[in-house]
Amino acid sequence: MRAVKGLIPRHDAAEIDRAVHRMADEISRDYAGTEPLLVGVLLGSFVFVADLVRAMTVPCQVDFIRARSYGKTMTTSGAVEITKDIETDVAGRQVIIVEDILDTGLTIDFVTDRIKAGRPASVAICALLVREGADLPDYHGFVTPRGFVVGYGIDYAERYRSLPDIWAVEGTEGG
């Protein structure tokens, strides 16, 4: 990982790649003989979703929902806004919601309830990062301490998405 001013290294690209392949193997095993629908939560999950589906060995479909509760700040607004809904009918489908990070649970709970309203056969959750103390989803890459993270598709005020590694923003480690 090359040093980036104001950022503290968390996970390098090789670690992320191993975690993505592990999760892809688990999903491929669990969904063998099926074609699950992966619903990525935009914008932070787009890189993760792309790498995950390329590593999976089962056929799948992909759709996206855009839900936000952070805007351009480092604290949640406490309300979730859907700015792009999924277009695929989920009725009777096996759905895997793919999220960049599970933190307070506010966004994932909102999205899960919205998906379940469409009467899917099942709903699982896959998250690259899970905050320490949060409930673990069906599939996860890393448990991460407090701190605002960026990189690998995750941003702060639309910056840092293109970094191949995951970093904590300096000064946010405790919050």
Foldseek 3Di string as FASTA:
>chain_A
DDDDPQWAFDWFLVLLLVQLLVLLVVVLVVQPPHAAEEEEADDQCPLSVVSNCVNHPDHYHYWYWYKAQQAQHPDGVLDIDTPGDTDDQQAQHEYEYEYAEAEPCRVVVVVVVVSVVSHYPYYFYEYAEYEPPDDDTPGYRYHDYWADKAECRRDRNPPRPPHSGIIGRPPGRHD
